[in-house]
Amino acid sequence: MKEDVIKVLKVKPHEHPEVYMLKNTLEAMQEAVGGYIDILGLDDNVCILLNDEGKLIGLEGNRRIGSDIIVGDFFVCGSDKEGNLASLSEEALDTYTKIFYEPQEFTKEEIEETTVIEFYTFE
């Protein structure tokens, strides 16, 4: 069953993460990230909600994940078996607070190097 409000971890550039209550609607999510949303999987039942066009519109670098740099505010969320966003467990909140605790700084050039645009053709 889809939750109306979910407990997530809000991660902003230059700040430590904080627990945040997010309305579980498309409109609220778009407002939270400042535009169209994208969802990236992290682990089983954990994902990141972010601005889909963040690098294209010049949002600030936030945290490095693997070889990518996430820009702008993002939210670490849970997901349920039906694919809906869900509240994070206390264990996941603790884990990801530790992972993203230290703010990171990036140059514009570092962010540009991780920007990828893919084109697909239909045959």
PDB file of N, CA and C in Angstrom:
ATOM      1  N   MET A   1       0.843  -1.189   0.000  1.00  0.00           N
ATOM      2  CA  MET A   1       0.000   0.000   0.000  1.00  0.00           C
ATOM      3  C   MET A   1       0.885   1.248   0.000  1.00  0.00           C
ATOM      4  N   LYS A   2       0.604   2.169  -0.885  1.00  0.00           N
ATOM      5  CA  LYS A   2       1.403   3.385  -1.026  1.00  0.00           C
ATOM      6  C   LYS A   2       1.202   4.309   0.185  1.00  0.00           C
ATOM      7  N   GLU A   3       2.326   4.739   0.768  1.00  0.00           N
ATOM      8  CA  GLU A   3       2.288   5.661   1.902  1.00  0.00           C
ATOM      9  C   GLU A   3       1.996   7.078   1.409  1.00  0.00           C
ATOM     10  N   ASP A   4       1.222   7.855   2.169  1.00  0.00           N
ATOM     11  CA  ASP A   4       0.925   9.241   1.800  1.00  0.00           C
ATOM     12  C   ASP A   4       2.120  10.159   2.019  1.00  0.00           C
ATOM     13  N   VAL A   5       2.857   9.923   3.104  1.00  0.00           N
ATOM     14  CA  VAL A   5       4.050  10.696   3.451  1.00  0.00           C
ATOM     15  C   VAL A   5       5.142   9.694   3.785  1.00  0.00           C
ATOM     16  N   ILE A   6       6.343   9.927   3.241  1.00  0.00           N
ATOM     17  CA  ILE A   6       7.436   8.987   3.479  1.00  0.00           C
ATOM     18  C   ILE A   6       8.594   9.668   4.211  1.00  0.00           C
ATOM     19  N   LYS A   7       9.261   8.884   5.056  1.00  0.00           N
ATOM     20  CA  LYS A   7      10.433   9.367   5.797  1.00  0.00           C
ATOM     21  C   LYS A   7      11.656   9.056   4.945  1.00  0.00           C
ATOM     22  N   VAL A   8      12.368  10.119   4.533  1.00  0.00           N
ATOM     23  CA  VAL A   8      13.513   9.986   3.638  1.00  0.00           C
ATOM     24  C   VAL A   8      14.703  10.737   4.227  1.00  0.00           C
ATOM     25  N   LEU A   9      15.827  10.613   3.555  1.00  0.00           N
ATOM     26  CA  LEU A   9      17.022  11.350   3.942  1.00  0.00           C
ATOM     27  C   LEU A   9      17.263  12.422   2.886  1.00  0.00           C
ATOM     28  N   LYS A  10      17.237  13.680   3.292  1.00  0.00           N
ATOM     29  CA  LYS A  10      17.468  14.798   2.382  1.00  0.00           C
ATOM     30  C   LYS A  10      18.953  15.146   2.418  1.00  0.00           C
ATOM     31  N   VAL A  11      19.568  15.189   1.228  1.00  0.00           N
ATOM     32  CA  VAL A  11      20.994  15.496   1.135  1.00  0.00           C
ATOM     33  C   VAL A  11      21.148  16.728   0.250  1.00  0.00           C
ATOM     34  N   LYS A  12      21.639  17.819   0.852  1.00  0.00           N
ATOM     35  CA  LYS A  12      21.836  19.081   0.140  1.00  0.00           C
ATOM     36  C   LYS A  12      23.337  19.341  -0.024  1.00  0.00           C
ATOM     37  N   PRO A  13      23.711  20.031  -1.100  1.00  0.00           N
ATOM     38  CA  PRO A  13      25.123  20.390  -1.250  1.00  0.00           C
ATOM     39  C   PRO A  13      25.609  21.193  -0.040  1.00  0.00           C
ATOM     40  N   HIS A  14      26.838  20.936   0.396  1.00  0.00           N
ATOM     41  CA  HIS A  14      27.515  21.674   1.469  1.00  0.00           C
ATOM     42  C   HIS A  14      26.916  21.454   2.856  1.00  0.00           C
ATOM     43  N   GLU A  15      25.993  20.479   3.010  1.00  0.00           N
ATOM     44  CA  GLU A  15      25.353  20.250   4.302  1.00  0.00           C
ATOM     45  C   GLU A  15      25.366  18.765   4.662  1.00  0.00           C
ATOM     46  N   HIS A  16      25.179  18.494   5.954  1.00  0.00           N
ATOM     47  CA  HIS A  16      25.012  17.120   6.416  1.00  0.00           C
ATOM     48  C   HIS A  16      23.580  16.684   6.088  1.00  0.00           C
ATOM     49  N   PRO A  17      23.355  15.396   5.867  1.00  0.00           N
ATOM     50  CA  PRO A  17      21.998  14.915   5.578  1.00  0.00           C
ATOM     51  C   PRO A  17      21.060  15.118   6.763  1.00  0.00           C
ATOM     52  N   GLU A  18      19.758  15.174   6.467  1.00  0.00           N
ATOM     53  CA  GLU A  18      18.763  15.300   7.522  1.00  0.00           C
ATOM     54  C   GLU A  18      17.534  14.467   7.173  1.00  0.00           C
ATOM     55  N   VAL A  19      16.868  13.960   8.204  1.00  0.00           N
ATOM     56  CA  VAL A  19      15.630  13.223   8.009  1.00  0.00           C
ATOM     57  C   VAL A  19      14.563  14.214   7.561  1.00  0.00           C
ATOM     58  N   TYR A  20      13.757  13.806   6.589  1.00  0.00           N
ATOM     59  CA  TYR A  20      12.780  14.712   5.976  1.00  0.00           C
ATOM     60  C   TYR A  20      11.506  13.924   5.703  1.00  0.00           C
ATOM     61  N   MET A  21      10.368  14.540   5.935  1.00  0.00           N
ATOM     62  CA  MET A  21       9.084  13.915   5.616  1.00  0.00           C
ATOM     63  C   MET A  21       8.613  14.483   4.277  1.00  0.00           C
ATOM     64  N   LEU A  22       8.448  13.617   3.291  1.00  0.00           N
ATOM     65  CA  LEU A  22       8.122  14.018   1.918  1.00  0.00           C
ATOM     66  C   LEU A  22       6.761  13.456   1.533  1.00  0.00           C
ATOM     67  N   LYS A  23       5.876  14.345   1.044  1.00  0.00           N
ATOM     68  CA  LYS A  23       4.594  13.864   0.528  1.00  0.00           C
ATOM     69  C   LYS A  23       4.890  12.956  -0.661  1.00  0.00           C
ATOM     70  N   ASN A  24       4.205  11.850  -0.731  1.00  0.00           N
ATOM     71  CA  ASN A  24       4.448  10.840  -1.750  1.00  0.00           C
ATOM     72  C   ASN A  24       3.571  11.075  -2.983  1.00  0.00           C
ATOM     73  N   THR A  25       3.749  12.278  -3.567  1.00  0.00           N
ATOM     74  CA  THR A  25       3.042  12.622  -4.803  1.00  0.00           C
ATOM     75  C   THR A  25       4.058  13.133  -5.810  1.00  0.00           C
ATOM     76  N   LEU A  26       3.739  12.997  -7.078  1.00  0.00           N
ATOM     77  CA  LEU A  26       4.633  13.480  -8.126  1.00  0.00           C
ATOM     78  C   LEU A  26       4.893  14.976  -7.971  1.00  0.00           C
ATOM     79  N   GLU A  27       3.861  15.737  -7.696  1.00  0.00           N
ATOM     80  CA  GLU A  27       4.000  17.190  -7.565  1.00  0.00           C
ATOM     81  C   GLU A  27       4.953  17.556  -6.431  1.00  0.00           C
ATOM     82  N   ALA A  28       4.804  16.907  -5.284  1.00  0.00           N
ATOM     83  CA  ALA A  28       5.670  17.200  -4.135  1.00  0.00           C
ATOM     84  C   ALA A  28       7.112  16.810  -4.426  1.00  0.00           C
ATOM     85  N   MET A  29       7.296  15.703  -5.125  1.00  0.00           N
ATOM     86  CA  MET A  29       8.650  15.260  -5.457  1.00  0.00           C
ATOM     87  C   MET A  29       9.312  16.215  -6.440  1.00  0.00           C
ATOM     88  N   GLN A  30       8.564  16.657  -7.445  1.00  0.00           N
ATOM     89  CA  GLN A  30       9.116  17.610  -8.413  1.00  0.00           C
ATOM     90  C   GLN A  30       9.465  18.926  -7.736  1.00  0.00           C
ATOM     91  N   GLU A  31       8.627  19.364  -6.820  1.00  0.00           N
ATOM     92  CA  GLU A  31       8.917  20.593  -6.075  1.00  0.00           C
ATOM     93  C   GLU A  31      10.167  20.414  -5.220  1.00  0.00           C
ATOM     94  N   ALA A  32      10.317  19.256  -4.606  1.00  0.00           N
ATOM     95  CA  ALA A  32      11.454  18.997  -3.712  1.00  0.00           C
ATOM     96  C   ALA A  32      12.784  19.030  -4.456  1.00  0.00           C
ATOM     97  N   VAL A  33      12.816  18.517  -5.697  1.00  0.00           N
ATOM     98  CA  VAL A  33      14.069  18.495  -6.456  1.00  0.00           C
ATOM     99  C   VAL A  33      14.185  19.666  -7.425  1.00  0.00           C
ATOM    100  N   GLY A  34      13.143  20.461  -7.550  1.00  0.00           N
ATOM    101  CA  GLY A  34      13.195  21.644  -8.409  1.00  0.00           C
ATOM    102  C   GLY A  34      13.056  21.349  -9.892  1.00  0.00           C
ATOM    103  N   GLY A  35      12.310  20.311 -10.245  1.00  0.00           N
ATOM    104  CA  GLY A  35      12.112  19.999 -11.662  1.00  0.00           C
ATOM    105  C   GLY A  35      11.677  18.564 -11.857  1.00  0.00           C
ATOM    106  N   TYR A  36      11.898  18.078 -13.085  1.00  0.00           N
ATOM    107  CA  TYR A  36      11.547  16.690 -13.388  1.00  0.00           C
ATOM    108  C   TYR A  36      12.367  15.747 -12.523  1.00  0.00           C
ATOM    109  N   ILE A  37      11.744  14.638 -12.129  1.00  0.00           N
ATOM    110  CA  ILE A  37      12.439  13.705 -11.239  1.00  0.00           C
ATOM    111  C   ILE A  37      13.073  12.560 -12.018  1.00  0.00           C
ATOM    112  N   ASP A  38      14.111  12.012 -11.429  1.00  0.00           N
ATOM    113  CA  ASP A  38      14.731  10.781 -11.879  1.00  0.00           C
ATOM    114  C   ASP A  38      14.958   9.946 -10.628  1.00  0.00           C
ATOM    115  N   ILE A  39      14.915   8.647 -10.786  1.00  0.00           N
ATOM    116  CA  ILE A  39      15.123   7.746  -9.655  1.00  0.00           C
ATOM    117  C   ILE A  39      16.248   6.787 -10.019  1.00  0.00           C
ATOM    118  N   LEU A  40      17.264   6.741  -9.161  1.00  0.00           N
ATOM    119  CA  LEU A  40      18.401   5.842  -9.358  1.00  0.00           C
ATOM    120  C   LEU A  40      18.419   4.810  -8.238  1.00  0.00           C
ATOM    121  N   GLY A  41      18.568   3.555  -8.584  1.00  0.00           N
ATOM    122  CA  GLY A  41      18.652   2.507  -7.578  1.00  0.00           C
ATOM    123  C   GLY A  41      20.008   2.509  -6.895  1.00  0.00           C
ATOM    124  N   LEU A  42      20.016   2.332  -5.588  1.00  0.00           N
ATOM    125  CA  LEU A  42      21.260   2.222  -4.816  1.00  0.00           C
ATOM    126  C   LEU A  42      21.490   0.786  -4.384  1.00  0.00           C
ATOM    127  N   ASP A  43      20.553   0.248  -3.637  1.00  0.00           N
ATOM    128  CA  ASP A  43      20.604  -1.113  -3.113  1.00  0.00           C
ATOM    129  C   ASP A  43      19.196  -1.685  -3.208  1.00  0.00           C
ATOM    130  N   ASP A  44      19.043  -2.931  -2.751  1.00  0.00           N
ATOM    131  CA  ASP A  44      17.697  -3.497  -2.694  1.00  0.00           C
ATOM    132  C   ASP A  44      16.806  -2.605  -1.840  1.00  0.00           C
ATOM    133  N   ASN A  45      15.702  -2.175  -2.409  1.00  0.00           N
ATOM    134  CA  ASN A  45      14.699  -1.366  -1.711  1.00  0.00           C
ATOM    135  C   ASN A  45      15.187  -0.001  -1.262  1.00  0.00           C
ATOM    136  N   VAL A  46      16.287   0.519  -1.858  1.00  0.00           N
ATOM    137  CA  VAL A  46      16.769   1.872  -1.558  1.00  0.00           C
ATOM    138  C   VAL A  46      17.115   2.550  -2.881  1.00  0.00           C
ATOM    139  N   CYS A  47      16.666   3.802  -3.026  1.00  0.00           N
ATOM    140  CA  CYS A  47      16.929   4.538  -4.256  1.00  0.00           C
ATOM    141  C   CYS A  47      17.154   6.014  -3.936  1.00  0.00           C
ATOM    142  N   ILE A  48      17.560   6.748  -4.972  1.00  0.00           N
ATOM    143  CA  ILE A  48      17.768   8.190  -4.855  1.00  0.00           C
ATOM    144  C   ILE A  48      16.786   8.884  -5.781  1.00  0.00           C
ATOM    145  N   LEU A  49      16.136   9.906  -5.266  1.00  0.00           N
ATOM    146  CA  LEU A  49      15.242  10.764  -6.030  1.00  0.00           C
ATOM    147  C   LEU A  49      15.996  12.063  -6.284  1.00  0.00           C
ATOM    148  N   LEU A  50      16.157  12.462  -7.563  1.00  0.00           N
ATOM    149  CA  LEU A  50      16.923  13.655  -7.885  1.00  0.00           C
ATOM    150  C   LEU A  50      16.335  14.378  -9.074  1.00  0.00           C
ATOM    151  N   ASN A  51      16.891  15.550  -9.384  1.00  0.00           N
ATOM    152  CA  ASN A  51      16.470  16.341 -10.535  1.00  0.00           C
ATOM    153  C   ASN A  51      17.064  15.724 -11.793  1.00  0.00           C
ATOM    154  N   ASP A  52      16.196  15.347 -12.726  1.00  0.00           N
ATOM    155  CA  ASP A  52      16.611  14.677 -13.956  1.00  0.00           C
ATOM    156  C   ASP A  52      17.495  15.557 -14.839  1.00  0.00           C
ATOM    157  N   GLU A  53      17.308  16.854 -14.776  1.00  0.00           N
ATOM    158  CA  GLU A  53      18.062  17.777 -15.627  1.00  0.00           C
ATOM    159  C   GLU A  53      19.103  18.579 -14.847  1.00  0.00           C
ATOM    160  N   GLY A  54      19.427  18.139 -13.647  1.00  0.00           N
ATOM    161  CA  GLY A  54      20.298  18.895 -12.746  1.00  0.00           C
ATOM    162  C   GLY A  54      21.610  19.335 -13.353  1.00  0.00           C
ATOM    163  N   LYS A  55      22.302  18.436 -14.063  1.00  0.00           N
ATOM    164  CA  LYS A  55      23.596  18.802 -14.652  1.00  0.00           C
ATOM    165  C   LYS A  55      23.407  19.752 -15.821  1.00  0.00           C
ATOM    166  N   LEU A  56      22.339  19.572 -16.578  1.00  0.00           N
ATOM    167  CA  LEU A  56      22.093  20.423 -17.744  1.00  0.00           C
ATOM    168  C   LEU A  56      21.744  21.859 -17.348  1.00  0.00           C
ATOM    169  N   ILE A  57      21.112  22.026 -16.192  1.00  0.00           N
ATOM    170  CA  ILE A  57      20.724  23.372 -15.765  1.00  0.00           C
ATOM    171  C   ILE A  57      21.708  23.978 -14.769  1.00  0.00           C
ATOM    172  N   GLY A  58      22.813  23.255 -14.512  1.00  0.00           N
ATOM    173  CA  GLY A  58      23.894  23.819 -13.711  1.00  0.00           C
ATOM    174  C   GLY A  58      23.728  23.769 -12.209  1.00  0.00           C
ATOM    175  N   LEU A  59      23.010  22.775 -11.694  1.00  0.00           N
ATOM    176  CA  LEU A  59      22.904  22.660 -10.235  1.00  0.00           C
ATOM    177  C   LEU A  59      24.271  22.334  -9.634  1.00  0.00           C
ATOM    178  N   GLU A  60      24.446  22.690  -8.372  1.00  0.00           N
ATOM    179  CA  GLU A  60      25.719  22.483  -7.673  1.00  0.00           C
ATOM    180  C   GLU A  60      25.995  21.001  -7.452  1.00  0.00           C
ATOM    181  N   GLY A  61      27.272  20.645  -7.522  1.00  0.00           N
ATOM    182  CA  GLY A  61      27.675  19.290  -7.191  1.00  0.00           C
ATOM    183  C   GLY A  61      27.359  18.988  -5.739  1.00  0.00           C
ATOM    184  N   ASN A  62      26.949  17.755  -5.472  1.00  0.00           N
ATOM    185  CA  ASN A  62      26.545  17.396  -4.123  1.00  0.00           C
ATOM    186  C   ASN A  62      27.398  16.249  -3.570  1.00  0.00           C
ATOM    187  N   ARG A  63      27.223  15.041  -4.083  1.00  0.00           N
ATOM    188  CA  ARG A  63      27.978  13.886  -3.599  1.00  0.00           C
ATOM    189  C   ARG A  63      28.376  13.007  -4.784  1.00  0.00           C
ATOM    190  N   ARG A  64      29.511  12.313  -4.614  1.00  0.00           N
ATOM    191  CA  ARG A  64      29.958  11.347  -5.614  1.00  0.00           C
ATOM    192  C   ARG A  64      29.381   9.989  -5.256  1.00  0.00           C
ATOM    193  N   ILE A  65      28.849   9.321  -6.273  1.00  0.00           N
ATOM    194  CA  ILE A  65      28.370   7.950  -6.120  1.00  0.00           C
ATOM    195  C   ILE A  65      29.008   7.153  -7.240  1.00  0.00           C
ATOM    196  N   GLY A  66      29.950   6.289  -6.886  1.00  0.00           N
ATOM    197  CA  GLY A  66      30.712   5.562  -7.897  1.00  0.00           C
ATOM    198  C   GLY A  66      31.497   6.548  -8.737  1.00  0.00           C
ATOM    199  N   SER A  67      31.355   6.485 -10.048  1.00  0.00           N
ATOM    200  CA  SER A  67      32.065   7.412 -10.925  1.00  0.00           C
ATOM    201  C   SER A  67      31.211   8.616 -11.307  1.00  0.00           C
ATOM    202  N   ASP A  68      30.015   8.719 -10.745  1.00  0.00           N
ATOM    203  CA  ASP A  68      29.099   9.812 -11.078  1.00  0.00           C
ATOM    204  C   ASP A  68      29.077  10.843  -9.950  1.00  0.00           C
ATOM    205  N   ILE A  69      28.695  12.057 -10.295  1.00  0.00           N
ATOM    206  CA  ILE A  69      28.489  13.115  -9.310  1.00  0.00           C
ATOM    207  C   ILE A  69      27.014  13.494  -9.356  1.00  0.00           C
ATOM    208  N   ILE A  70      26.350  13.393  -8.219  1.00  0.00           N
ATOM    209  CA  ILE A  70      24.954  13.794  -8.109  1.00  0.00           C
ATOM    210  C   ILE A  70      24.930  15.286  -7.824  1.00  0.00           C
ATOM    211  N   VAL A  71      24.058  16.021  -8.522  1.00  0.00           N
ATOM    212  CA  VAL A  71      23.979  17.468  -8.342  1.00  0.00           C
ATOM    213  C   VAL A  71      22.635  17.852  -7.733  1.00  0.00           C
ATOM    214  N   GLY A  72      22.618  19.006  -7.069  1.00  0.00           N
ATOM    215  CA  GLY A  72      21.394  19.509  -6.464  1.00  0.00           C
ATOM    216  C   GLY A  72      20.976  18.690  -5.250  1.00  0.00           C
ATOM    217  N   ASP A  73      19.853  19.094  -4.665  1.00  0.00           N
ATOM    218  CA  ASP A  73      19.295  18.349  -3.539  1.00  0.00           C
ATOM    219  C   ASP A  73      18.852  16.979  -4.037  1.00  0.00           C
ATOM    220  N   PHE A  74      19.104  15.939  -3.242  1.00  0.00           N
ATOM    221  CA  PHE A  74      18.540  14.633  -3.567  1.00  0.00           C
ATOM    222  C   PHE A  74      18.023  13.981  -2.303  1.00  0.00           C
ATOM    223  N   PHE A  75      17.220  12.947  -2.484  1.00  0.00           N
ATOM    224  CA  PHE A  75      16.556  12.283  -1.380  1.00  0.00           C
ATOM    225  C   PHE A  75      16.810  10.791  -1.472  1.00  0.00           C
ATOM    226  N   VAL A  76      17.250  10.195  -0.383  1.00  0.00           N
ATOM    227  CA  VAL A  76      17.415   8.750  -0.322  1.00  0.00           C
ATOM    228  C   VAL A  76      16.092   8.203   0.207  1.00  0.00           C
ATOM    229  N   CYS A  77      15.471   7.319  -0.577  1.00  0.00           N
ATOM    230  CA  CYS A  77      14.145   6.794  -0.270  1.00  0.00           C
ATOM    231  C   CYS A  77      14.169   5.272  -0.253  1.00  0.00           C
ATOM    232  N   GLY A  78      13.156   4.697   0.356  1.00  0.00           N
ATOM    233  CA  GLY A  78      12.935   3.266   0.246  1.00  0.00           C
ATOM    234  C   GLY A  78      12.030   3.001  -0.940  1.00  0.00           C
ATOM    235  N   SER A  79      11.863   1.745  -1.285  1.00  0.00           N
ATOM    236  CA  SER A  79      10.891   1.364  -2.304  1.00  0.00           C
ATOM    237  C   SER A  79      10.246   0.048  -1.889  1.00  0.00           C
ATOM    238  N   ASP A  80       8.978  -0.118  -2.272  1.00  0.00           N
ATOM    239  CA  ASP A  80       8.278  -1.341  -1.899  1.00  0.00           C
ATOM    240  C   ASP A  80       8.275  -2.339  -3.057  1.00  0.00           C
ATOM    241  N   LYS A  81       7.642  -3.473  -2.856  1.00  0.00           N
ATOM    242  CA  LYS A  81       7.637  -4.537  -3.864  1.00  0.00           C
ATOM    243  C   LYS A  81       6.911  -4.134  -5.145  1.00  0.00           C
ATOM    244  N   GLU A  82       5.996  -3.166  -5.054  1.00  0.00           N
ATOM    245  CA  GLU A  82       5.266  -2.700  -6.230  1.00  0.00           C
ATOM    246  C   GLU A  82       5.998  -1.577  -6.965  1.00  0.00           C
ATOM    247  N   GLY A  83       7.148  -1.159  -6.447  1.00  0.00           N
ATOM    248  CA  GLY A  83       7.915  -0.102  -7.090  1.00  0.00           C
ATOM    249  C   GLY A  83       7.563   1.299  -6.625  1.00  0.00           C
ATOM    250  N   ASN A  84       6.710   1.421  -5.619  1.00  0.00           N
ATOM    251  CA  ASN A  84       6.385   2.737  -5.057  1.00  0.00           C
ATOM    252  C   ASN A  84       7.502   3.201  -4.139  1.00  0.00           C
ATOM    253  N   LEU A  85       7.699   4.513  -4.055  1.00  0.00           N
ATOM    254  CA  LEU A  85       8.631   5.034  -3.066  1.00  0.00           C
ATOM    255  C   LEU A  85       8.032   4.815  -1.686  1.00  0.00           C
ATOM    256  N   ALA A  86       8.905   4.552  -0.720  1.00  0.00           N
ATOM    257  CA  ALA A  86       8.461   4.232   0.633  1.00  0.00           C
ATOM    258  C   ALA A  86       9.431   4.827   1.641  1.00  0.00           C
ATOM    259  N   SER A  87       9.028   4.817   2.896  1.00  0.00           N
ATOM    260  CA  SER A  87       9.897   5.295   3.982  1.00  0.00           C
ATOM    261  C   SER A  87      11.120   4.407   4.111  1.00  0.00           C
ATOM    262  N   LEU A  88      12.229   5.034   4.490  1.00  0.00           N
ATOM    263  CA  LEU A  88      13.436   4.280   4.807  1.00  0.00           C
ATOM    264  C   LEU A  88      13.298   3.659   6.192  1.00  0.00           C
ATOM    265  N   SER A  89      13.867   2.488   6.366  1.00  0.00           N
ATOM    266  CA  SER A  89      13.919   1.890   7.695  1.00  0.00           C
ATOM    267  C   SER A  89      14.909   2.690   8.540  1.00  0.00           C
ATOM    268  N   GLU A  90      14.836   2.538   9.851  1.00  0.00           N
ATOM    269  CA  GLU A  90      15.781   3.227  10.740  1.00  0.00           C
ATOM    270  C   GLU A  90      17.210   2.788  10.434  1.00  0.00           C
ATOM    271  N   GLU A  91      17.384   1.516  10.122  1.00  0.00           N
ATOM    272  CA  GLU A  91      18.707   1.006   9.781  1.00  0.00           C
ATOM    273  C   GLU A  91      19.246   1.675   8.509  1.00  0.00           C
ATOM    274  N   ALA A  92      18.389   1.801   7.481  1.00  0.00           N
ATOM    275  CA  ALA A  92      18.814   2.451   6.241  1.00  0.00           C
ATOM    276  C   ALA A  92      19.081   3.934   6.461  1.00  0.00           C
ATOM    277  N   LEU A  93      18.264   4.599   7.275  1.00  0.00           N
ATOM    278  CA  LEU A  93      18.513   6.009   7.595  1.00  0.00           C
ATOM    279  C   LEU A  93      19.888   6.174   8.224  1.00  0.00           C
ATOM    280  N   ASP A  94      20.213   5.310   9.160  1.00  0.00           N
ATOM    281  CA  ASP A  94      21.508   5.367   9.832  1.00  0.00           C
ATOM    282  C   ASP A  94      22.648   5.097   8.855  1.00  0.00           C
ATOM    283  N   THR A  95      22.498   4.066   8.039  1.00  0.00           N
ATOM    284  CA  THR A  95      23.537   3.689   7.069  1.00  0.00           C
ATOM    285  C   THR A  95      23.821   4.816   6.090  1.00  0.00           C
ATOM    286  N   TYR A  96      22.774   5.371   5.477  1.00  0.00           N
ATOM    287  CA  TYR A  96      22.979   6.386   4.450  1.00  0.00           C
ATOM    288  C   TYR A  96      23.326   7.761   5.034  1.00  0.00           C
ATOM    289  N   THR A  97      22.937   8.005   6.281  1.00  0.00           N
ATOM    290  CA  THR A  97      23.402   9.226   6.941  1.00  0.00           C
ATOM    291  C   THR A  97      24.919   9.174   7.074  1.00  0.00           C
ATOM    292  N   LYS A  98      25.451   8.010   7.460  1.00  0.00           N
ATOM    293  CA  LYS A  98      26.901   7.860   7.578  1.00  0.00           C
ATOM    294  C   LYS A  98      27.589   7.962   6.219  1.00  0.00           C
ATOM    295  N   ILE A  99      27.018   7.330   5.197  1.00  0.00           N
ATOM    296  CA  ILE A  99      27.631   7.340   3.865  1.00  0.00           C
ATOM    297  C   ILE A  99      27.713   8.756   3.302  1.00  0.00           C
ATOM    298  N   PHE A 100      26.632   9.531   3.455  1.00  0.00           N
ATOM    299  CA  PHE A 100      26.577  10.867   2.857  1.00  0.00           C
ATOM    300  C   PHE A 100      26.850  11.986   3.857  1.00  0.00           C
ATOM    301  N   TYR A 101      27.376  11.660   5.037  1.00  0.00           N
ATOM    302  CA  TYR A 101      27.518  12.650   6.102  1.00  0.00           C
ATOM    303  C   TYR A 101      28.421  13.825   5.723  1.00  0.00           C
ATOM    304  N   GLU A 102      29.560  13.542   5.146  1.00  0.00           N
ATOM    305  CA  GLU A 102      30.508  14.615   4.848  1.00  0.00           C
ATOM    306  C   GLU A 102      30.191  15.285   3.512  1.00  0.00           C
ATOM    307  N   PRO A 103      29.950  16.600   3.521  1.00  0.00           N
ATOM    308  CA  PRO A 103      29.756  17.319   2.253  1.00  0.00           C
ATOM    309  C   PRO A 103      31.008  17.216   1.381  1.00  0.00           C
ATOM    310  N   GLN A 104      30.818  17.237   0.079  1.00  0.00           N
ATOM    311  CA  GLN A 104      31.920  17.173  -0.864  1.00  0.00           C
ATOM    312  C   GLN A 104      31.865  18.390  -1.785  1.00  0.00           C
ATOM    313  N   GLU A 105      33.020  18.787  -2.279  1.00  0.00           N
ATOM    314  CA  GLU A 105      33.123  19.926  -3.185  1.00  0.00           C
ATOM    315  C   GLU A 105      33.600  19.438  -4.557  1.00  0.00           C
ATOM    316  N   PHE A 106      33.038  20.024  -5.614  1.00  0.00           N
ATOM    317  CA  PHE A 106      33.390  19.646  -6.982  1.00  0.00           C
ATOM    318  C   PHE A 106      33.554  20.887  -7.834  1.00  0.00           C
ATOM    319  N   THR A 107      34.456  20.810  -8.800  1.00  0.00           N
ATOM    320  CA  THR A 107      34.587  21.896  -9.765  1.00  0.00           C
ATOM    321  C   THR A 107      33.563  21.699 -10.867  1.00  0.00           C
ATOM    322  N   LYS A 108      33.300  22.763 -11.581  1.00  0.00           N
ATOM    323  CA  LYS A 108      32.379  22.691 -12.715  1.00  0.00           C
ATOM    324  C   LYS A 108      32.897  21.682 -13.742  1.00  0.00           C
ATOM    325  N   GLU A 109      34.207  21.636 -13.930  1.00  0.00           N
ATOM    326  CA  GLU A 109      34.818  20.716 -14.891  1.00  0.00           C
ATOM    327  C   GLU A 109      34.600  19.257 -14.478  1.00  0.00           C
ATOM    328  N   GLU A 110      34.721  18.961 -13.180  1.00  0.00           N
ATOM    329  CA  GLU A 110      34.486  17.593 -12.699  1.00  0.00           C
ATOM    330  C   GLU A 110      33.051  17.153 -12.991  1.00  0.00           C
ATOM    331  N   ILE A 111      32.111  18.057 -12.770  1.00  0.00           N
ATOM    332  CA  ILE A 111      30.704  17.739 -13.021  1.00  0.00           C
ATOM    333  C   ILE A 111      30.468  17.533 -14.511  1.00  0.00           C
ATOM    334  N   GLU A 112      31.027  18.416 -15.338  1.00  0.00           N
ATOM    335  CA  GLU A 112      30.849  18.293 -16.792  1.00  0.00           C
ATOM    336  C   GLU A 112      31.399  16.967 -17.318  1.00  0.00           C
ATOM    337  N   GLU A 113      32.484  16.481 -16.727  1.00  0.00           N
ATOM    338  CA  GLU A 113      33.070  15.210 -17.160  1.00  0.00           C
ATOM    339  C   GLU A 113      32.141  14.026 -16.907  1.00  0.00           C
ATOM    340  N   THR A 114      31.213  14.153 -15.966  1.00  0.00           N
ATOM    341  CA  THR A 114      30.293  13.043 -15.667  1.00  0.00           C
ATOM    342  C   THR A 114      28.947  13.203 -16.368  1.00  0.00           C
ATOM    343  N   THR A 115      28.783  14.256 -17.174  1.00  0.00           N
ATOM    344  CA  THR A 115      27.529  14.480 -17.881  1.00  0.00           C
ATOM    345  C   THR A 115      27.488  13.602 -19.124  1.00  0.00           C
ATOM    346  N   VAL A 116      26.441  12.816 -19.235  1.00  0.00           N
ATOM    347  CA  VAL A 116      26.287  11.905 -20.366  1.00  0.00           C
ATOM    348  C   VAL A 116      24.894  12.087 -20.945  1.00  0.00           C
ATOM    349  N   ILE A 117      24.835  12.211 -22.250  1.00  0.00           N
ATOM    350  CA  ILE A 117      23.556  12.246 -22.955  1.00  0.00           C
ATOM    351  C   ILE A 117      23.546  11.059 -23.906  1.00  0.00           C
ATOM    352  N   GLU A 118      22.527  10.230 -23.794  1.00  0.00           N
ATOM    353  CA  GLU A 118      22.438   9.047 -24.635  1.00  0.00           C
ATOM    354  C   GLU A 118      21.303   9.211 -25.631  1.00  0.00           C
ATOM    355  N   PHE A 119      21.534   8.765 -26.853  1.00  0.00           N
ATOM    356  CA  PHE A 119      20.513   8.778 -27.894  1.00  0.00           C
ATOM    357  C   PHE A 119      20.209   7.342 -28.289  1.00  0.00           C
ATOM    358  N   TYR A 120      18.946   7.036 -28.455  1.00  0.00           N
ATOM    359  CA  TYR A 120      18.543   5.705 -28.870  1.00  0.00           C
ATOM    360  C   TYR A 120      17.773   5.818 -30.176  1.00  0.00           C
ATOM    361  N   THR A 121      18.022   4.908 -31.087  1.00  0.00           N
ATOM    362  CA  THR A 121      17.273   4.892 -32.334  1.00  0.00           C
ATOM    363  C   THR A 121      16.344   3.694 -32.337  1.00  0.00           C
ATOM    364  N   PHE A 122      15.237   3.841 -33.011  1.00  0.00           N
ATOM    365  CA  PHE A 122      14.279   2.758 -33.123  1.00  0.00           C
ATOM    366  C   PHE A 122      14.286   2.254 -34.555  1.00  0.00           C
ATOM    367  N   GLU A 123      14.548   0.992 -34.718  1.00  0.00           N
ATOM    368  CA  GLU A 123      14.610   0.429 -36.056  1.00  0.00           C
ATOM    369  C   GLU A 123      13.474  -0.506 -36.296  1.00  0.00           C
TER     370      GLU A 123
END
